[in-house]
Amino acid sequence: MSKKKSSPAVTFQMVRHLALELPGAEEGTSYGTPAFKVRGKLFLRFHQDGESLVIPVDFADRELLVAEQPETFYITDHYLNYPYILVRLSTIRADQISDLLKQAWRRVAPKSIL
């Protein structure tokens, strides 16, 4: 029986590094937690629970992610009507977070830096 190779745990420092590599990304705060924006538009925020990220996503994509991987992706009542998803750092894979950040960045970045 082969064992699945597990990827290293995703940490906020790792996410921070990935976010700051994106063109025009700036670190600031949102609701008192570390946040990352491009030209003033939020594409990532550390959730106040200290264990999750808040990332903008299309409603259809959010529904699919929550249905497929509820241990990683979820929403709270607060976010029901907003195009954001919550992501548990403890269960997200490194390759997933990298892709999610790039998609979130593209969602808000102006065409001039895409």
N, C-alpha and C. Protein backbone atom coordinates (compact mmCIF):
# COMPACT_ATOMS: atom_id res chain seq x y z
N MET A 1 0.85 -1.18 0.00
CA MET A 1 0.00 0.00 0.00
C MET A 1 0.89 1.24 0.00
N SER A 2 0.67 2.15 -0.93
CA SER A 2 1.50 3.34 -0.99
C SER A 2 0.90 4.45 -0.14
N LYS A 3 1.78 5.17 0.51
CA LYS A 3 1.34 6.29 1.32
C LYS A 3 1.35 7.55 0.48
N LYS A 4 0.31 8.34 0.64
CA LYS A 4 0.24 9.61 -0.08
C LYS A 4 1.22 10.58 0.57
N LYS A 5 2.03 11.18 -0.24
CA LYS A 5 3.00 12.15 0.26
C LYS A 5 2.25 13.42 0.68
N SER A 6 2.43 13.83 1.90
CA SER A 6 1.72 15.03 2.34
C SER A 6 2.60 16.26 2.11
N SER A 7 1.95 17.32 1.74
CA SER A 7 2.69 18.56 1.52
C SER A 7 2.87 19.26 2.86
N PRO A 8 3.84 20.16 2.94
CA PRO A 8 4.06 20.85 4.20
C PRO A 8 2.84 21.67 4.60
N ALA A 9 2.63 21.81 5.89
CA ALA A 9 1.50 22.59 6.38
C ALA A 9 1.61 24.03 5.89
N VAL A 10 0.49 24.57 5.53
CA VAL A 10 0.45 25.96 5.08
C VAL A 10 0.37 26.86 6.31
N THR A 11 1.27 27.82 6.37
CA THR A 11 1.29 28.77 7.48
C THR A 11 0.93 30.16 6.96
N PHE A 12 0.56 31.04 7.88
CA PHE A 12 0.25 32.40 7.45
C PHE A 12 1.48 33.06 6.83
N GLN A 13 2.66 32.77 7.35
CA GLN A 13 3.89 33.35 6.78
C GLN A 13 4.09 32.92 5.34
N MET A 14 3.77 31.67 5.04
CA MET A 14 3.86 31.17 3.68
C MET A 14 2.87 31.92 2.77
N VAL A 15 1.65 32.07 3.26
CA VAL A 15 0.61 32.78 2.50
C VAL A 15 1.03 34.23 2.29
N ARG A 16 1.55 34.84 3.32
CA ARG A 16 2.02 36.23 3.24
C ARG A 16 3.07 36.37 2.14
N HIS A 17 4.02 35.45 2.13
CA HIS A 17 5.09 35.47 1.12
C HIS A 17 4.50 35.35 -0.28
N LEU A 18 3.59 34.40 -0.48
CA LEU A 18 2.96 34.22 -1.80
C LEU A 18 2.18 35.46 -2.22
N ALA A 19 1.46 36.05 -1.29
CA ALA A 19 0.66 37.24 -1.60
C ALA A 19 1.55 38.41 -2.03
N LEU A 20 2.64 38.61 -1.31
CA LEU A 20 3.51 39.75 -1.60
C LEU A 20 4.32 39.58 -2.89
N GLU A 21 4.36 38.36 -3.42
CA GLU A 21 5.03 38.14 -4.71
C GLU A 21 4.18 38.61 -5.89
N LEU A 22 2.90 38.79 -5.67
CA LEU A 22 2.00 39.20 -6.76
C LEU A 22 2.20 40.68 -7.07
N PRO A 23 2.20 41.04 -8.36
CA PRO A 23 2.44 42.44 -8.75
C PRO A 23 1.48 43.41 -8.10
N GLY A 24 2.03 44.47 -7.53
CA GLY A 24 1.22 45.53 -6.93
C GLY A 24 0.65 45.21 -5.57
N ALA A 25 0.94 44.02 -5.03
CA ALA A 25 0.38 43.63 -3.73
C ALA A 25 0.98 44.46 -2.61
N GLU A 26 0.12 44.88 -1.70
CA GLU A 26 0.54 45.65 -0.55
C GLU A 26 -0.07 45.06 0.70
N GLU A 27 0.70 45.05 1.78
CA GLU A 27 0.20 44.54 3.05
C GLU A 27 -0.36 45.68 3.87
N GLY A 28 -1.48 45.42 4.50
CA GLY A 28 -2.11 46.40 5.38
C GLY A 28 -2.95 45.66 6.39
N THR A 29 -4.05 46.27 6.80
CA THR A 29 -4.96 45.60 7.72
C THR A 29 -6.39 45.77 7.23
N SER A 30 -7.23 44.86 7.68
CA SER A 30 -8.67 44.92 7.42
C SER A 30 -9.35 44.30 8.63
N TYR A 31 -10.24 45.03 9.25
CA TYR A 31 -10.90 44.56 10.47
C TYR A 31 -9.89 44.14 11.53
N GLY A 32 -8.77 44.86 11.58
CA GLY A 32 -7.76 44.62 12.61
C GLY A 32 -6.88 43.41 12.37
N THR A 33 -6.96 42.80 11.20
CA THR A 33 -6.11 41.64 10.90
C THR A 33 -5.27 41.94 9.67
N PRO A 34 -4.15 41.22 9.49
CA PRO A 34 -3.33 41.43 8.30
C PRO A 34 -4.16 41.19 7.04
N ALA A 35 -3.94 42.06 6.06
CA ALA A 35 -4.68 41.97 4.80
C ALA A 35 -3.77 42.34 3.65
N PHE A 36 -4.14 41.89 2.46
CA PHE A 36 -3.35 42.16 1.27
C PHE A 36 -4.27 42.71 0.20
N LYS A 37 -3.82 43.80 -0.40
CA LYS A 37 -4.63 44.50 -1.39
C LYS A 37 -3.78 44.82 -2.61
N VAL A 38 -4.46 45.07 -3.70
CA VAL A 38 -3.81 45.59 -4.89
C VAL A 38 -4.60 46.82 -5.31
N ARG A 39 -3.92 47.95 -5.36
CA ARG A 39 -4.56 49.24 -5.64
C ARG A 39 -5.78 49.47 -4.75
N GLY A 40 -5.64 49.11 -3.49
CA GLY A 40 -6.70 49.35 -2.51
C GLY A 40 -7.81 48.32 -2.48
N LYS A 41 -7.74 47.31 -3.33
CA LYS A 41 -8.79 46.29 -3.37
C LYS A 41 -8.31 44.99 -2.72
N LEU A 42 -9.09 44.52 -1.78
CA LEU A 42 -8.74 43.36 -0.97
C LEU A 42 -8.75 42.07 -1.78
N PHE A 43 -7.67 41.28 -1.65
CA PHE A 43 -7.67 39.95 -2.25
C PHE A 43 -7.31 38.86 -1.23
N LEU A 44 -7.03 39.25 0.00
CA LEU A 44 -6.73 38.27 1.04
C LEU A 44 -6.75 38.97 2.40
N ARG A 45 -7.35 38.27 3.36
CA ARG A 45 -7.36 38.77 4.73
C ARG A 45 -7.24 37.59 5.68
N PHE A 46 -6.48 37.78 6.75
CA PHE A 46 -6.39 36.78 7.80
C PHE A 46 -7.64 36.95 8.66
N HIS A 47 -8.41 35.90 8.84
CA HIS A 47 -9.65 35.97 9.60
C HIS A 47 -9.35 36.15 11.08
N GLN A 48 -10.25 36.82 11.77
CA GLN A 48 -10.04 37.09 13.19
C GLN A 48 -10.03 35.83 14.06
N ASP A 49 -10.44 34.67 13.51
CA ASP A 49 -10.37 33.44 14.31
C ASP A 49 -8.93 32.94 14.47
N GLY A 50 -8.00 33.53 13.70
CA GLY A 50 -6.60 33.16 13.80
C GLY A 50 -6.26 31.85 13.12
N GLU A 51 -7.23 31.23 12.44
CA GLU A 51 -7.01 29.92 11.82
C GLU A 51 -7.44 29.86 10.37
N SER A 52 -8.02 30.94 9.87
CA SER A 52 -8.59 30.92 8.52
C SER A 52 -8.20 32.16 7.73
N LEU A 53 -8.36 32.05 6.42
CA LEU A 53 -8.17 33.17 5.50
C LEU A 53 -9.51 33.54 4.91
N VAL A 54 -9.65 34.79 4.52
CA VAL A 54 -10.84 35.27 3.81
C VAL A 54 -10.36 35.66 2.42
N ILE A 55 -10.95 35.03 1.39
CA ILE A 55 -10.50 35.24 0.02
C ILE A 55 -11.71 35.50 -0.88
N PRO A 56 -11.65 36.53 -1.74
CA PRO A 56 -12.76 36.75 -2.67
C PRO A 56 -12.84 35.65 -3.71
N VAL A 57 -14.06 35.25 -4.04
CA VAL A 57 -14.28 34.17 -4.99
C VAL A 57 -15.68 34.34 -5.58
N ASP A 58 -15.88 33.87 -6.80
CA ASP A 58 -17.21 33.90 -7.40
C ASP A 58 -18.15 33.01 -6.59
N PHE A 59 -19.43 33.37 -6.54
CA PHE A 59 -20.40 32.58 -5.79
C PHE A 59 -20.45 31.13 -6.28
N ALA A 60 -20.42 30.92 -7.59
CA ALA A 60 -20.49 29.55 -8.14
C ALA A 60 -19.27 28.74 -7.71
N ASP A 61 -18.08 29.35 -7.77
CA ASP A 61 -16.86 28.66 -7.34
C ASP A 61 -16.91 28.35 -5.84
N ARG A 62 -17.44 29.30 -5.08
CA ARG A 62 -17.54 29.11 -3.64
C ARG A 62 -18.43 27.90 -3.31
N GLU A 63 -19.56 27.83 -3.98
CA GLU A 63 -20.48 26.72 -3.75
C GLU A 63 -19.82 25.38 -4.05
N LEU A 64 -19.09 25.33 -5.14
CA LEU A 64 -18.40 24.11 -5.54
C LEU A 64 -17.31 23.72 -4.53
N LEU A 65 -16.49 24.68 -4.13
CA LEU A 65 -15.42 24.41 -3.17
C LEU A 65 -15.96 23.91 -1.83
N VAL A 66 -17.00 24.57 -1.33
CA VAL A 66 -17.58 24.17 -0.04
C VAL A 66 -18.18 22.77 -0.14
N ALA A 67 -18.81 22.46 -1.27
CA ALA A 67 -19.42 21.14 -1.45
C ALA A 67 -18.35 20.05 -1.57
N GLU A 68 -17.27 20.34 -2.28
CA GLU A 68 -16.24 19.33 -2.52
C GLU A 68 -15.29 19.13 -1.34
N GLN A 69 -14.98 20.21 -0.62
CA GLN A 69 -13.99 20.12 0.46
C GLN A 69 -14.43 20.92 1.69
N PRO A 70 -15.51 20.51 2.34
CA PRO A 70 -16.02 21.27 3.48
C PRO A 70 -15.05 21.33 4.66
N GLU A 71 -14.08 20.41 4.71
CA GLU A 71 -13.10 20.45 5.78
C GLU A 71 -12.11 21.61 5.59
N THR A 72 -12.03 22.14 4.37
CA THR A 72 -11.10 23.23 4.06
C THR A 72 -11.82 24.55 3.80
N PHE A 73 -12.90 24.49 3.04
CA PHE A 73 -13.61 25.70 2.62
C PHE A 73 -14.96 25.80 3.30
N TYR A 74 -15.28 27.00 3.80
CA TYR A 74 -16.57 27.20 4.46
C TYR A 74 -16.94 28.68 4.41
N ILE A 75 -18.17 28.96 4.83
CA ILE A 75 -18.59 30.35 4.99
C ILE A 75 -19.34 30.46 6.31
N THR A 76 -19.43 31.65 6.81
CA THR A 76 -20.24 31.93 7.99
C THR A 76 -21.43 32.76 7.53
N ASP A 77 -22.40 32.92 8.39
CA ASP A 77 -23.58 33.72 8.04
C ASP A 77 -23.19 35.11 7.55
N HIS A 78 -22.16 35.68 8.14
CA HIS A 78 -21.71 37.02 7.75
C HIS A 78 -21.40 37.11 6.26
N TYR A 79 -20.84 36.05 5.70
CA TYR A 79 -20.38 36.08 4.31
C TYR A 79 -21.40 35.54 3.30
N LEU A 80 -22.59 35.14 3.75
CA LEU A 80 -23.58 34.56 2.83
C LEU A 80 -23.83 35.41 1.59
N ASN A 81 -23.94 36.70 1.75
CA ASN A 81 -24.28 37.59 0.64
C ASN A 81 -23.08 38.32 0.03
N TYR A 82 -21.89 37.90 0.42
CA TYR A 82 -20.67 38.52 -0.10
C TYR A 82 -19.84 37.47 -0.84
N PRO A 83 -19.16 37.86 -1.91
CA PRO A 83 -18.39 36.90 -2.71
C PRO A 83 -17.02 36.56 -2.09
N TYR A 84 -17.07 35.96 -0.91
CA TYR A 84 -15.85 35.56 -0.20
C TYR A 84 -16.01 34.14 0.30
N ILE A 85 -14.87 33.48 0.50
CA ILE A 85 -14.84 32.15 1.08
C ILE A 85 -13.83 32.15 2.22
N LEU A 86 -14.09 31.33 3.22
CA LEU A 86 -13.13 31.16 4.31
C LEU A 86 -12.37 29.86 4.07
N VAL A 87 -11.08 29.91 4.35
CA VAL A 87 -10.18 28.79 4.06
C VAL A 87 -9.41 28.44 5.33
N ARG A 88 -9.53 27.19 5.76
CA ARG A 88 -8.80 26.74 6.95
C ARG A 88 -7.34 26.48 6.59
N LEU A 89 -6.44 27.18 7.25
CA LEU A 89 -5.01 26.99 7.01
C LEU A 89 -4.57 25.57 7.33
N SER A 90 -5.20 24.95 8.32
CA SER A 90 -4.77 23.62 8.77
C SER A 90 -5.03 22.52 7.74
N THR A 91 -5.92 22.77 6.77
CA THR A 91 -6.25 21.69 5.82
C THR A 91 -6.02 22.06 4.35
N ILE A 92 -5.71 23.29 4.05
CA ILE A 92 -5.46 23.68 2.65
C ILE A 92 -4.08 23.17 2.22
N ARG A 93 -3.99 22.73 0.98
CA ARG A 93 -2.70 22.30 0.43
C ARG A 93 -1.97 23.52 -0.14
N ALA A 94 -0.66 23.46 -0.13
CA ALA A 94 0.17 24.57 -0.62
C ALA A 94 -0.15 24.92 -2.07
N ASP A 95 -0.35 23.90 -2.93
CA ASP A 95 -0.65 24.20 -4.33
C ASP A 95 -2.03 24.84 -4.47
N GLN A 96 -2.97 24.47 -3.61
CA GLN A 96 -4.30 25.07 -3.67
C GLN A 96 -4.25 26.55 -3.28
N ILE A 97 -3.53 26.86 -2.21
CA ILE A 97 -3.52 28.24 -1.73
C ILE A 97 -2.85 29.14 -2.75
N SER A 98 -1.82 28.66 -3.39
CA SER A 98 -1.15 29.45 -4.42
C SER A 98 -2.11 29.79 -5.55
N ASP A 99 -2.85 28.79 -6.03
CA ASP A 99 -3.82 29.02 -7.10
C ASP A 99 -4.94 29.95 -6.67
N LEU A 100 -5.45 29.76 -5.45
CA LEU A 100 -6.53 30.62 -4.95
C LEU A 100 -6.09 32.07 -4.86
N LEU A 101 -4.87 32.29 -4.38
CA LEU A 101 -4.37 33.66 -4.25
C LEU A 101 -4.23 34.33 -5.62
N LYS A 102 -3.72 33.59 -6.58
CA LYS A 102 -3.56 34.15 -7.93
C LYS A 102 -4.92 34.50 -8.52
N GLN A 103 -5.90 33.63 -8.33
CA GLN A 103 -7.25 33.91 -8.84
C GLN A 103 -7.86 35.12 -8.14
N ALA A 104 -7.70 35.20 -6.83
CA ALA A 104 -8.24 36.33 -6.06
C ALA A 104 -7.57 37.63 -6.49
N TRP A 105 -6.26 37.58 -6.70
CA TRP A 105 -5.52 38.76 -7.14
C TRP A 105 -6.04 39.21 -8.52
N ARG A 106 -6.19 38.25 -9.45
CA ARG A 106 -6.69 38.59 -10.79
C ARG A 106 -8.09 39.20 -10.74
N ARG A 107 -8.87 38.74 -9.78
CA ARG A 107 -10.25 39.22 -9.64
C ARG A 107 -10.30 40.72 -9.33
N VAL A 108 -9.32 41.24 -8.61
CA VAL A 108 -9.36 42.64 -8.20
C VAL A 108 -8.30 43.53 -8.83
N ALA A 109 -7.27 42.94 -9.41
CA ALA A 109 -6.18 43.74 -9.98
C ALA A 109 -6.66 44.48 -11.24
N PRO A 110 -6.21 45.73 -11.41
CA PRO A 110 -6.58 46.46 -12.62
C PRO A 110 -5.91 45.84 -13.85
N LYS A 111 -6.55 45.98 -14.99
CA LYS A 111 -6.04 45.39 -16.23
C LYS A 111 -4.61 45.87 -16.54
N SER A 112 -4.26 47.06 -16.09
CA SER A 112 -2.95 47.61 -16.41
C SER A 112 -1.80 46.82 -15.80
N ILE A 113 -2.05 46.02 -14.75
CA ILE A 113 -0.96 45.23 -14.18
C ILE A 113 -1.17 43.72 -14.35
N LEU A 114 -2.24 43.33 -15.01
CA LEU A 114 -2.50 41.90 -15.23
C LEU A 114 -1.50 41.33 -16.22
